[in-house]
Amino acid sequence: MANHLYQGDLPDGLKLGPIVAIDCETMGLNPHRDRLCLIQMSDGDGNCHLIQVAKGQTSAPNLCRLLTDPDTLKLFHFGRFDIAVMYHAFGALAAPVYCTKIASKLVRTFTDRHGLKYLLQDLLGVDISKMQQQSDWGAETLTAAQLDYAASDVLYLHKLKDALDVMLAREGRTEVAQACYEFLPMRARLDLIGYPEVDIFAH
């Protein structure tokens, strides 16, 4: 396993396959206030490709092409936030997408533990550390521990998707899950325009 760190964008010519796991690190959880600092990606081969985003950066052409490529499935855990923060930063709305947190909530109704750490423990027997979760992602130089933490958020998502897909099929909820994934980019846009908690489908 290796971490490959890039500044500002993916390198020209990098191919990451038909399914790319993606996660983001930010200065906080408000996309309008807290800047995007790091984007990590994996094609499931055990390697992680990380983009360090500069303060004030508004363009990343290679990344944006990947996010909007209709032939590349973007795989997230809690994609609602990552899709929103990248759209806010670069104007590229990720699609098509898959979210392991949504899949988990649809089929693991016997628990309220849908965080990535719990899913990896329960479904794959993998234990990841969350010690760097609240570190300073805006630092000019990121530590090896930070990069390893960021990588751990994407390295196992392909296998997690496979496990959840089996459960979705077993419970007859694959079609419902797919409809949720298709709506997810718009759900992210609703967050950004001021409807983070309002249920627009309510009476």
N, C-alpha and C. Protein backbone atom coordinates (compact mmCIF):
# COMPACT_ATOMS: atom_id res chain seq x y z
N MET A 1 0.83 -1.19 0.00
CA MET A 1 0.00 0.00 0.00
C MET A 1 0.87 1.24 0.00
N ALA A 2 0.49 2.22 -0.80
CA ALA A 2 1.27 3.46 -0.88
C ALA A 2 0.32 4.65 -0.95
N ASN A 3 0.74 5.76 -0.36
CA ASN A 3 0.02 7.01 -0.47
C ASN A 3 0.73 7.91 -1.48
N HIS A 4 -0.02 8.46 -2.41
CA HIS A 4 0.53 9.35 -3.43
C HIS A 4 -0.11 10.72 -3.24
N LEU A 5 0.68 11.70 -2.82
CA LEU A 5 0.17 13.04 -2.51
C LEU A 5 0.47 13.99 -3.66
N TYR A 6 -0.58 14.69 -4.11
CA TYR A 6 -0.45 15.67 -5.20
C TYR A 6 -0.90 17.04 -4.68
N GLN A 7 -0.41 18.07 -5.33
CA GLN A 7 -0.78 19.43 -4.97
C GLN A 7 -1.78 19.99 -5.98
N GLY A 8 -2.99 20.28 -5.52
CA GLY A 8 -3.95 21.02 -6.33
C GLY A 8 -4.85 20.22 -7.25
N ASP A 9 -4.38 19.08 -7.76
CA ASP A 9 -5.19 18.32 -8.71
C ASP A 9 -4.57 16.94 -8.92
N LEU A 10 -5.34 16.05 -9.53
CA LEU A 10 -4.79 14.77 -9.96
C LEU A 10 -3.82 14.99 -11.11
N PRO A 11 -2.80 14.18 -11.24
CA PRO A 11 -1.87 14.34 -12.37
C PRO A 11 -2.54 13.94 -13.69
N ASP A 12 -2.08 14.53 -14.77
CA ASP A 12 -2.59 14.18 -16.10
C ASP A 12 -2.37 12.70 -16.37
N GLY A 13 -3.37 12.05 -16.96
CA GLY A 13 -3.21 10.68 -17.40
C GLY A 13 -3.44 9.62 -16.35
N LEU A 14 -3.71 10.00 -15.09
CA LEU A 14 -3.94 9.01 -14.06
C LEU A 14 -5.30 8.34 -14.26
N LYS A 15 -5.32 7.02 -14.34
CA LYS A 15 -6.55 6.27 -14.52
C LYS A 15 -6.86 5.52 -13.23
N LEU A 16 -8.08 5.72 -12.74
CA LEU A 16 -8.45 5.10 -11.46
C LEU A 16 -9.58 4.09 -11.60
N GLY A 17 -9.92 3.70 -12.81
CA GLY A 17 -10.87 2.62 -12.99
C GLY A 17 -12.32 3.05 -12.93
N PRO A 18 -13.25 2.09 -13.05
CA PRO A 18 -14.68 2.42 -13.16
C PRO A 18 -15.36 2.75 -11.84
N ILE A 19 -14.75 2.38 -10.71
CA ILE A 19 -15.31 2.71 -9.40
C ILE A 19 -14.22 3.33 -8.55
N VAL A 20 -14.43 4.58 -8.12
CA VAL A 20 -13.41 5.30 -7.36
C VAL A 20 -13.98 5.72 -6.00
N ALA A 21 -13.35 5.26 -4.94
CA ALA A 21 -13.74 5.65 -3.59
C ALA A 21 -13.17 7.04 -3.30
N ILE A 22 -13.99 7.91 -2.74
CA ILE A 22 -13.58 9.29 -2.50
C ILE A 22 -14.02 9.74 -1.10
N ASP A 23 -13.16 10.50 -0.45
CA ASP A 23 -13.48 11.11 0.84
C ASP A 23 -12.77 12.45 0.92
N CYS A 24 -13.24 13.32 1.80
CA CYS A 24 -12.65 14.66 1.93
C CYS A 24 -12.33 14.96 3.39
N GLU A 25 -11.32 15.80 3.58
CA GLU A 25 -11.02 16.36 4.89
C GLU A 25 -11.14 17.87 4.79
N THR A 26 -11.81 18.48 5.77
CA THR A 26 -12.06 19.91 5.76
C THR A 26 -11.69 20.51 7.11
N MET A 27 -11.81 21.83 7.22
CA MET A 27 -11.54 22.50 8.48
C MET A 27 -12.72 22.41 9.44
N GLY A 28 -13.84 21.90 8.98
CA GLY A 28 -15.03 21.77 9.80
C GLY A 28 -16.16 21.21 8.95
N LEU A 29 -17.39 21.30 9.46
CA LEU A 29 -18.51 20.65 8.80
C LEU A 29 -19.47 21.63 8.13
N ASN A 30 -19.07 22.89 8.00
CA ASN A 30 -19.89 23.89 7.31
C ASN A 30 -19.20 24.27 5.99
N PRO A 31 -19.70 23.78 4.86
CA PRO A 31 -19.02 24.04 3.58
C PRO A 31 -18.89 25.52 3.23
N HIS A 32 -19.80 26.36 3.74
CA HIS A 32 -19.72 27.79 3.45
C HIS A 32 -18.65 28.49 4.28
N ARG A 33 -18.28 27.90 5.41
CA ARG A 33 -17.30 28.50 6.30
C ARG A 33 -15.97 27.77 6.30
N ASP A 34 -16.03 26.44 6.25
CA ASP A 34 -14.85 25.62 6.48
C ASP A 34 -14.30 25.08 5.17
N ARG A 35 -13.07 25.44 4.88
CA ARG A 35 -12.52 25.12 3.56
C ARG A 35 -12.15 23.65 3.40
N LEU A 36 -12.19 23.23 2.16
CA LEU A 36 -11.76 21.90 1.76
C LEU A 36 -10.24 21.85 1.76
N CYS A 37 -9.66 20.84 2.40
CA CYS A 37 -8.20 20.76 2.54
C CYS A 37 -7.57 19.58 1.81
N LEU A 38 -8.26 18.45 1.79
CA LEU A 38 -7.67 17.23 1.25
C LEU A 38 -8.78 16.37 0.65
N ILE A 39 -8.48 15.77 -0.49
CA ILE A 39 -9.39 14.81 -1.11
C ILE A 39 -8.59 13.53 -1.33
N GLN A 40 -9.11 12.42 -0.84
CA GLN A 40 -8.41 11.15 -0.99
C GLN A 40 -9.24 10.20 -1.84
N MET A 41 -8.55 9.41 -2.67
CA MET A 41 -9.22 8.51 -3.61
C MET A 41 -8.49 7.19 -3.71
N SER A 42 -9.26 6.14 -4.00
CA SER A 42 -8.67 4.82 -4.24
C SER A 42 -9.53 4.08 -5.25
N ASP A 43 -8.86 3.28 -6.09
CA ASP A 43 -9.61 2.44 -7.03
C ASP A 43 -9.75 1.02 -6.49
N GLY A 44 -9.41 0.82 -5.22
CA GLY A 44 -9.58 -0.48 -4.59
C GLY A 44 -8.36 -1.38 -4.67
N ASP A 45 -7.23 -0.85 -5.18
CA ASP A 45 -6.03 -1.67 -5.33
C ASP A 45 -5.09 -1.59 -4.13
N GLY A 46 -5.52 -0.90 -3.08
CA GLY A 46 -4.68 -0.76 -1.90
C GLY A 46 -3.85 0.50 -1.86
N ASN A 47 -3.86 1.27 -2.94
CA ASN A 47 -3.13 2.53 -2.99
C ASN A 47 -4.10 3.70 -2.84
N CYS A 48 -3.59 4.79 -2.31
CA CYS A 48 -4.42 5.98 -2.12
C CYS A 48 -3.79 7.17 -2.83
N HIS A 49 -4.61 7.93 -3.53
CA HIS A 49 -4.18 9.14 -4.23
C HIS A 49 -4.83 10.33 -3.54
N LEU A 50 -4.01 11.25 -3.03
CA LEU A 50 -4.51 12.36 -2.22
C LEU A 50 -4.17 13.70 -2.87
N ILE A 51 -5.15 14.58 -2.90
CA ILE A 51 -4.95 15.93 -3.43
C ILE A 51 -5.00 16.92 -2.28
N GLN A 52 -3.91 17.64 -2.06
CA GLN A 52 -3.93 18.72 -1.07
C GLN A 52 -4.43 19.97 -1.76
N VAL A 53 -5.50 20.54 -1.23
CA VAL A 53 -6.16 21.69 -1.84
C VAL A 53 -5.66 22.97 -1.18
N ALA A 54 -5.20 23.92 -1.98
CA ALA A 54 -4.67 25.16 -1.45
C ALA A 54 -5.80 26.08 -1.00
N LYS A 55 -5.52 26.91 -0.02
CA LYS A 55 -6.49 27.90 0.44
C LYS A 55 -6.86 28.83 -0.71
N GLY A 56 -8.13 28.98 -0.97
CA GLY A 56 -8.59 29.84 -2.05
C GLY A 56 -8.64 29.18 -3.41
N GLN A 57 -8.22 27.93 -3.52
CA GLN A 57 -8.23 27.22 -4.80
C GLN A 57 -9.66 26.97 -5.26
N THR A 58 -9.95 27.25 -6.53
CA THR A 58 -11.30 27.07 -7.07
C THR A 58 -11.33 26.20 -8.31
N SER A 59 -10.20 25.66 -8.71
CA SER A 59 -10.15 24.87 -9.94
C SER A 59 -9.30 23.62 -9.74
N ALA A 60 -9.79 22.52 -10.27
CA ALA A 60 -9.05 21.25 -10.29
C ALA A 60 -9.59 20.45 -11.47
N PRO A 61 -9.17 20.77 -12.69
CA PRO A 61 -9.78 20.23 -13.90
C PRO A 61 -9.81 18.71 -13.99
N ASN A 62 -8.71 18.05 -13.63
CA ASN A 62 -8.68 16.59 -13.73
C ASN A 62 -9.63 15.94 -12.72
N LEU A 63 -9.65 16.47 -11.51
CA LEU A 63 -10.58 15.98 -10.51
C LEU A 63 -12.02 16.18 -10.96
N CYS A 64 -12.31 17.36 -11.49
CA CYS A 64 -13.68 17.67 -11.90
C CYS A 64 -14.14 16.77 -13.04
N ARG A 65 -13.22 16.43 -13.93
CA ARG A 65 -13.59 15.50 -15.01
C ARG A 65 -13.96 14.14 -14.44
N LEU A 66 -13.22 13.70 -13.43
CA LEU A 66 -13.54 12.42 -12.80
C LEU A 66 -14.89 12.49 -12.08
N LEU A 67 -15.13 13.57 -11.36
CA LEU A 67 -16.38 13.70 -10.60
C LEU A 67 -17.60 13.67 -11.49
N THR A 68 -17.49 14.24 -12.67
CA THR A 68 -18.65 14.35 -13.57
C THR A 68 -18.66 13.29 -14.66
N ASP A 69 -17.69 12.40 -14.67
CA ASP A 69 -17.63 11.34 -15.69
C ASP A 69 -18.79 10.36 -15.49
N PRO A 70 -19.70 10.25 -16.46
CA PRO A 70 -20.86 9.36 -16.30
C PRO A 70 -20.50 7.89 -16.27
N ASP A 71 -19.29 7.54 -16.68
CA ASP A 71 -18.87 6.14 -16.71
C ASP A 71 -18.07 5.73 -15.48
N THR A 72 -17.88 6.66 -14.54
CA THR A 72 -17.13 6.37 -13.32
C THR A 72 -18.05 6.51 -12.12
N LEU A 73 -18.24 5.42 -11.38
CA LEU A 73 -19.04 5.46 -10.16
C LEU A 73 -18.19 6.00 -9.02
N LYS A 74 -18.69 7.05 -8.38
CA LYS A 74 -17.99 7.64 -7.25
C LYS A 74 -18.56 7.05 -5.96
N LEU A 75 -17.69 6.44 -5.17
CA LEU A 75 -18.08 5.67 -4.00
C LEU A 75 -17.73 6.44 -2.74
N PHE A 76 -18.74 6.72 -1.90
CA PHE A 76 -18.55 7.52 -0.70
C PHE A 76 -19.08 6.80 0.54
N HIS A 77 -18.64 7.28 1.70
CA HIS A 77 -19.33 7.00 2.95
C HIS A 77 -19.80 8.35 3.48
N PHE A 78 -21.10 8.54 3.59
CA PHE A 78 -21.74 9.83 3.84
C PHE A 78 -21.38 10.81 2.72
N GLY A 79 -21.75 10.41 1.50
CA GLY A 79 -21.47 11.22 0.33
C GLY A 79 -22.14 12.58 0.35
N ARG A 80 -23.22 12.71 1.08
CA ARG A 80 -23.94 13.99 1.14
C ARG A 80 -23.01 15.15 1.45
N PHE A 81 -22.11 14.96 2.39
CA PHE A 81 -21.18 16.04 2.76
C PHE A 81 -20.09 16.20 1.73
N ASP A 82 -19.45 15.11 1.32
CA ASP A 82 -18.32 15.20 0.39
C ASP A 82 -18.75 15.78 -0.96
N ILE A 83 -19.91 15.35 -1.45
CA ILE A 83 -20.42 15.88 -2.72
C ILE A 83 -20.65 17.38 -2.60
N ALA A 84 -21.25 17.81 -1.49
CA ALA A 84 -21.53 19.23 -1.29
C ALA A 84 -20.27 20.06 -1.21
N VAL A 85 -19.28 19.59 -0.44
CA VAL A 85 -18.09 20.40 -0.22
C VAL A 85 -17.26 20.53 -1.50
N MET A 86 -17.21 19.47 -2.32
CA MET A 86 -16.47 19.56 -3.58
C MET A 86 -17.22 20.41 -4.61
N TYR A 87 -18.54 20.32 -4.60
CA TYR A 87 -19.34 21.16 -5.49
C TYR A 87 -19.17 22.63 -5.12
N HIS A 88 -19.18 22.92 -3.82
CA HIS A 88 -19.00 24.30 -3.35
C HIS A 88 -17.62 24.83 -3.73
N ALA A 89 -16.62 23.98 -3.64
CA ALA A 89 -15.25 24.42 -3.91
C ALA A 89 -14.95 24.57 -5.40
N PHE A 90 -15.45 23.63 -6.22
CA PHE A 90 -15.02 23.56 -7.61
C PHE A 90 -16.15 23.66 -8.63
N GLY A 91 -17.40 23.60 -8.19
CA GLY A 91 -18.52 23.69 -9.12
C GLY A 91 -18.78 22.42 -9.90
N ALA A 92 -18.23 21.30 -9.48
CA ALA A 92 -18.43 20.01 -10.15
C ALA A 92 -19.28 19.12 -9.26
N LEU A 93 -20.43 18.71 -9.78
CA LEU A 93 -21.35 17.88 -9.01
C LEU A 93 -21.11 16.41 -9.33
N ALA A 94 -20.68 15.66 -8.34
CA ALA A 94 -20.34 14.25 -8.54
C ALA A 94 -21.57 13.42 -8.92
N ALA A 95 -21.43 12.61 -9.95
CA ALA A 95 -22.49 11.68 -10.39
C ALA A 95 -21.89 10.77 -11.46
N PRO A 96 -22.31 9.50 -11.49
CA PRO A 96 -23.17 8.80 -10.54
C PRO A 96 -22.43 8.48 -9.25
N VAL A 97 -23.20 8.22 -8.19
CA VAL A 97 -22.59 8.01 -6.88
C VAL A 97 -23.20 6.81 -6.18
N TYR A 98 -22.49 6.36 -5.14
CA TYR A 98 -22.94 5.27 -4.26
C TYR A 98 -22.53 5.69 -2.86
N CYS A 99 -23.38 5.46 -1.88
CA CYS A 99 -23.05 5.83 -0.50
C CYS A 99 -23.23 4.65 0.43
N THR A 100 -22.14 4.22 1.06
CA THR A 100 -22.20 3.06 1.94
C THR A 100 -23.00 3.36 3.21
N LYS A 101 -23.08 4.62 3.61
CA LYS A 101 -23.87 4.95 4.80
C LYS A 101 -25.36 4.79 4.52
N ILE A 102 -25.80 5.23 3.34
CA ILE A 102 -27.20 5.04 2.95
C ILE A 102 -27.52 3.56 2.86
N ALA A 103 -26.64 2.81 2.22
CA ALA A 103 -26.86 1.36 2.08
C ALA A 103 -26.99 0.71 3.46
N SER A 104 -26.12 1.10 4.37
CA SER A 104 -26.15 0.53 5.72
C SER A 104 -27.47 0.84 6.42
N LYS A 105 -27.93 2.09 6.30
CA LYS A 105 -29.18 2.47 6.97
C LYS A 105 -30.38 1.75 6.39
N LEU A 106 -30.30 1.35 5.14
CA LEU A 106 -31.41 0.65 4.51
C LEU A 106 -31.48 -0.82 4.93
N VAL A 107 -30.34 -1.44 5.22
CA VAL A 107 -30.36 -2.88 5.51
C VAL A 107 -29.91 -3.27 6.92
N ARG A 108 -29.17 -2.41 7.58
CA ARG A 108 -28.71 -2.74 8.94
C ARG A 108 -29.61 -2.04 9.95
N THR A 109 -30.92 -2.31 9.86
CA THR A 109 -31.90 -1.64 10.71
C THR A 109 -31.90 -2.17 12.13
N PHE A 110 -31.08 -3.17 12.38
CA PHE A 110 -30.95 -3.72 13.73
C PHE A 110 -29.98 -2.94 14.60
N THR A 111 -29.38 -1.89 14.04
CA THR A 111 -28.41 -1.09 14.78
C THR A 111 -28.50 0.37 14.35
N ASP A 112 -28.01 1.26 15.21
CA ASP A 112 -27.91 2.67 14.83
C ASP A 112 -26.46 3.06 14.59
N ARG A 113 -25.58 2.07 14.50
CA ARG A 113 -24.15 2.32 14.30
C ARG A 113 -23.83 2.19 12.81
N HIS A 114 -23.83 3.32 12.13
CA HIS A 114 -23.58 3.33 10.69
C HIS A 114 -22.32 4.09 10.32
N GLY A 115 -21.51 4.45 11.30
CA GLY A 115 -20.23 5.10 11.03
C GLY A 115 -19.28 4.13 10.33
N LEU A 116 -18.33 4.68 9.58
CA LEU A 116 -17.42 3.85 8.81
C LEU A 116 -16.64 2.88 9.69
N LYS A 117 -16.17 3.35 10.83
CA LYS A 117 -15.39 2.48 11.72
C LYS A 117 -16.20 1.25 12.12
N TYR A 118 -17.47 1.45 12.47
CA TYR A 118 -18.32 0.33 12.88
C TYR A 118 -18.62 -0.61 11.71
N LEU A 119 -18.88 -0.03 10.55
CA LEU A 119 -19.17 -0.87 9.38
C LEU A 119 -17.99 -1.76 9.03
N LEU A 120 -16.80 -1.19 9.04
CA LEU A 120 -15.62 -1.97 8.71
C LEU A 120 -15.37 -3.07 9.73
N GLN A 121 -15.61 -2.78 11.00
CA GLN A 121 -15.46 -3.80 12.03
C GLN A 121 -16.48 -4.92 11.84
N ASP A 122 -17.74 -4.53 11.65
CA ASP A 122 -18.82 -5.51 11.63
C ASP A 122 -18.85 -6.35 10.35
N LEU A 123 -18.58 -5.73 9.21
CA LEU A 123 -18.74 -6.43 7.93
C LEU A 123 -17.44 -6.99 7.36
N LEU A 124 -16.31 -6.34 7.68
CA LEU A 124 -15.04 -6.79 7.09
C LEU A 124 -14.01 -7.23 8.12
N GLY A 125 -14.29 -7.02 9.40
CA GLY A 125 -13.31 -7.37 10.42
C GLY A 125 -12.08 -6.50 10.38
N VAL A 126 -12.23 -5.27 9.90
CA VAL A 126 -11.12 -4.33 9.78
C VAL A 126 -11.27 -3.24 10.84
N ASP A 127 -10.19 -2.94 11.53
CA ASP A 127 -10.22 -1.91 12.57
C ASP A 127 -9.36 -0.73 12.13
N ILE A 128 -9.99 0.44 11.98
CA ILE A 128 -9.23 1.63 11.60
C ILE A 128 -9.21 2.62 12.75
N SER A 129 -8.15 3.40 12.83
CA SER A 129 -8.01 4.41 13.88
C SER A 129 -8.65 5.72 13.45
N LYS A 130 -9.31 6.39 14.39
CA LYS A 130 -9.90 7.70 14.13
C LYS A 130 -9.16 8.80 14.90
N MET A 131 -7.93 8.52 15.33
CA MET A 131 -7.21 9.47 16.18
C MET A 131 -6.90 10.78 15.47
N GLN A 132 -6.75 10.77 14.14
CA GLN A 132 -6.39 11.99 13.41
C GLN A 132 -7.61 12.73 12.87
N GLN A 133 -8.81 12.26 13.21
CA GLN A 133 -10.02 12.82 12.62
C GLN A 133 -10.13 14.32 12.85
N GLN A 134 -9.75 14.78 14.03
CA GLN A 134 -9.91 16.18 14.37
C GLN A 134 -8.58 16.93 14.37
N SER A 135 -7.65 16.48 13.55
CA SER A 135 -6.36 17.18 13.45
C SER A 135 -6.50 18.37 12.49
N ASP A 136 -5.45 19.16 12.37
CA ASP A 136 -5.46 20.37 11.54
C ASP A 136 -5.18 20.02 10.09
N TRP A 137 -6.24 19.87 9.30
CA TRP A 137 -6.09 19.51 7.90
C TRP A 137 -5.66 20.69 7.03
N GLY A 138 -5.70 21.88 7.59
CA GLY A 138 -5.25 23.06 6.85
C GLY A 138 -3.77 23.33 6.96
N ALA A 139 -3.04 22.49 7.69
CA ALA A 139 -1.60 22.68 7.85
C ALA A 139 -0.90 22.63 6.49
N GLU A 140 0.15 23.40 6.34
CA GLU A 140 0.88 23.43 5.07
C GLU A 140 1.50 22.08 4.75
N THR A 141 2.02 21.40 5.79
CA THR A 141 2.60 20.08 5.61
C THR A 141 1.81 19.08 6.45
N LEU A 142 1.25 18.07 5.79
CA LEU A 142 0.50 17.05 6.49
C LEU A 142 1.43 15.92 6.93
N THR A 143 1.16 15.36 8.10
CA THR A 143 2.02 14.31 8.63
C THR A 143 1.69 12.97 7.98
N ALA A 144 2.61 12.03 8.15
CA ALA A 144 2.37 10.68 7.64
C ALA A 144 1.16 10.06 8.32
N ALA A 145 0.97 10.36 9.61
CA ALA A 145 -0.18 9.84 10.34
C ALA A 145 -1.49 10.39 9.77
N GLN A 146 -1.50 11.66 9.40
CA GLN A 146 -2.69 12.25 8.79
C GLN A 146 -2.99 11.59 7.44
N LEU A 147 -1.97 11.39 6.64
CA LEU A 147 -2.18 10.77 5.33
C LEU A 147 -2.66 9.34 5.45
N ASP A 148 -2.11 8.61 6.41
CA ASP A 148 -2.55 7.22 6.63
C ASP A 148 -4.00 7.18 7.09
N TYR A 149 -4.36 8.12 7.97
CA TYR A 149 -5.75 8.19 8.43
C TYR A 149 -6.68 8.48 7.26
N ALA A 150 -6.32 9.48 6.45
CA ALA A 150 -7.15 9.85 5.31
C ALA A 150 -7.31 8.67 4.35
N ALA A 151 -6.22 7.97 4.12
CA ALA A 151 -6.26 6.82 3.21
C ALA A 151 -7.18 5.73 3.74
N SER A 152 -7.20 5.53 5.04
CA SER A 152 -8.01 4.45 5.61
C SER A 152 -9.50 4.67 5.36
N ASP A 153 -9.90 5.89 5.10
CA ASP A 153 -11.31 6.18 4.85
C ASP A 153 -11.77 5.76 3.46
N VAL A 154 -10.84 5.44 2.56
CA VAL A 154 -11.24 5.05 1.20
C VAL A 154 -10.74 3.66 0.79
N LEU A 155 -9.73 3.15 1.46
CA LEU A 155 -9.10 1.90 1.00
C LEU A 155 -10.02 0.69 1.05
N TYR A 156 -11.02 0.71 1.91
CA TYR A 156 -11.87 -0.47 2.09
C TYR A 156 -13.28 -0.31 1.55
N LEU A 157 -13.57 0.83 0.93
CA LEU A 157 -14.95 1.10 0.51
C LEU A 157 -15.43 0.16 -0.59
N HIS A 158 -14.54 -0.29 -1.47
CA HIS A 158 -14.97 -1.22 -2.52
C HIS A 158 -15.46 -2.54 -1.92
N LYS A 159 -14.70 -3.07 -0.96
CA LYS A 159 -15.11 -4.31 -0.32
C LYS A 159 -16.37 -4.10 0.53
N LEU A 160 -16.47 -2.94 1.13
CA LEU A 160 -17.67 -2.63 1.92
C LEU A 160 -18.90 -2.56 1.02
N LYS A 161 -18.75 -1.96 -0.14
CA LYS A 161 -19.84 -1.91 -1.12
C LYS A 161 -20.28 -3.32 -1.50
N ASP A 162 -19.34 -4.19 -1.75
CA ASP A 162 -19.67 -5.56 -2.13
C ASP A 162 -20.51 -6.25 -1.04
N ALA A 163 -20.10 -6.07 0.21
CA ALA A 163 -20.81 -6.70 1.32
C ALA A 163 -22.22 -6.12 1.47
N LEU A 164 -22.33 -4.81 1.33
CA LEU A 164 -23.63 -4.17 1.47
C LEU A 164 -24.56 -4.50 0.30
N ASP A 165 -23.99 -4.64 -0.89
CA ASP A 165 -24.81 -5.01 -2.05
C ASP A 165 -25.47 -6.37 -1.85
N VAL A 166 -24.75 -7.29 -1.24
CA VAL A 166 -25.32 -8.62 -0.95
C VAL A 166 -26.51 -8.47 0.00
N MET A 167 -26.36 -7.64 1.01
CA MET A 167 -27.44 -7.44 1.98
C MET A 167 -28.63 -6.73 1.35
N LEU A 168 -28.35 -5.72 0.50
CA LEU A 168 -29.44 -5.01 -0.17
C LEU A 168 -30.25 -5.95 -1.05
N ALA A 169 -29.56 -6.82 -1.78
CA ALA A 169 -30.26 -7.78 -2.64
C ALA A 169 -31.07 -8.76 -1.80
N ARG A 170 -30.48 -9.21 -0.71
CA ARG A 170 -31.16 -10.17 0.16
C ARG A 170 -32.46 -9.60 0.73
N GLU A 171 -32.43 -8.30 1.08
CA GLU A 171 -33.59 -7.67 1.69
C GLU A 171 -34.52 -7.01 0.67
N GLY A 172 -34.20 -7.13 -0.62
CA GLY A 172 -35.05 -6.57 -1.65
C GLY A 172 -35.06 -5.05 -1.68
N ARG A 173 -33.93 -4.43 -1.35
CA ARG A 173 -33.89 -2.97 -1.28
C ARG A 173 -32.86 -2.35 -2.22
N THR A 174 -32.38 -3.13 -3.19
CA THR A 174 -31.41 -2.61 -4.14
C THR A 174 -31.98 -1.43 -4.94
N GLU A 175 -33.21 -1.57 -5.41
CA GLU A 175 -33.83 -0.53 -6.22
C GLU A 175 -34.05 0.75 -5.41
N VAL A 176 -34.47 0.59 -4.17
CA VAL A 176 -34.65 1.75 -3.30
C VAL A 176 -33.32 2.46 -3.06
N ALA A 177 -32.28 1.67 -2.81
CA ALA A 177 -30.95 2.24 -2.59
C ALA A 177 -30.49 3.02 -3.81
N GLN A 178 -30.68 2.45 -5.00
CA GLN A 178 -30.24 3.12 -6.22
C GLN A 178 -30.96 4.46 -6.40
N ALA A 179 -32.25 4.49 -6.09
CA ALA A 179 -32.99 5.74 -6.20
C ALA A 179 -32.44 6.79 -5.23
N CYS A 180 -32.04 6.35 -4.03
CA CYS A 180 -31.45 7.27 -3.06
C CYS A 180 -30.12 7.81 -3.57
N TYR A 181 -29.29 6.94 -4.15
CA TYR A 181 -28.00 7.40 -4.68
C TYR A 181 -28.21 8.43 -5.79
N GLU A 182 -29.20 8.19 -6.63
CA GLU A 182 -29.44 9.11 -7.75
C GLU A 182 -29.89 10.48 -7.27
N PHE A 183 -30.59 10.51 -6.13
CA PHE A 183 -31.04 11.79 -5.57
C PHE A 183 -29.95 12.49 -4.76
N LEU A 184 -28.94 11.76 -4.34
CA LEU A 184 -27.95 12.29 -3.40
C LEU A 184 -27.26 13.57 -3.87
N PRO A 185 -26.83 13.69 -5.13
CA PRO A 185 -26.23 14.97 -5.55
C PRO A 185 -27.18 16.16 -5.35
N MET A 186 -28.47 15.98 -5.62
CA MET A 186 -29.42 17.07 -5.39
C MET A 186 -29.61 17.32 -3.91
N ARG A 187 -29.56 16.26 -3.09
CA ARG A 187 -29.65 16.45 -1.64
C ARG A 187 -28.48 17.32 -1.16
N ALA A 188 -27.31 17.11 -1.73
CA ALA A 188 -26.14 17.93 -1.39
C ALA A 188 -26.35 19.38 -1.80
N ARG A 189 -26.93 19.59 -2.97
CA ARG A 189 -27.19 20.96 -3.42
C ARG A 189 -28.23 21.64 -2.53
N LEU A 190 -29.23 20.89 -2.08
CA LEU A 190 -30.21 21.47 -1.15
C LEU A 190 -29.54 21.92 0.14
N ASP A 191 -28.57 21.14 0.62
CA ASP A 191 -27.82 21.56 1.81
C ASP A 191 -27.17 22.91 1.58
N LEU A 192 -26.56 23.08 0.41
CA LEU A 192 -25.80 24.29 0.13
C LEU A 192 -26.68 25.52 -0.04
N ILE A 193 -27.91 25.33 -0.51
CA ILE A 193 -28.77 26.50 -0.73
C ILE A 193 -29.65 26.81 0.47
N GLY A 194 -29.46 26.07 1.57
CA GLY A 194 -30.12 26.46 2.80
C GLY A 194 -31.20 25.54 3.30
N TYR A 195 -31.23 24.29 2.85
CA TYR A 195 -32.22 23.33 3.32
C TYR A 195 -31.57 22.10 3.96
N PRO A 196 -30.64 22.31 4.89
CA PRO A 196 -29.96 21.16 5.48
C PRO A 196 -30.85 20.29 6.36
N GLU A 197 -31.81 20.89 7.04
CA GLU A 197 -32.66 20.14 7.96
C GLU A 197 -34.13 20.13 7.55
N VAL A 198 -34.52 21.02 6.65
CA VAL A 198 -35.92 21.12 6.25
C VAL A 198 -36.28 19.95 5.33
N ASP A 199 -37.38 19.27 5.64
CA ASP A 199 -37.90 18.21 4.79
C ASP A 199 -38.87 18.82 3.81
N ILE A 200 -38.44 19.03 2.59
CA ILE A 200 -39.31 19.70 1.61
C ILE A 200 -40.46 18.82 1.16
N PHE A 201 -40.44 17.54 1.54
CA PHE A 201 -41.53 16.63 1.20
C PHE A 201 -42.60 16.59 2.31
N ALA A 202 -42.31 17.24 3.43
CA ALA A 202 -43.28 17.24 4.53
C ALA A 202 -44.46 18.14 4.19
N HIS A 203 -45.55 17.98 4.92
CA HIS A 203 -46.77 18.77 4.70
C HIS A 203 -46.48 20.25 4.92
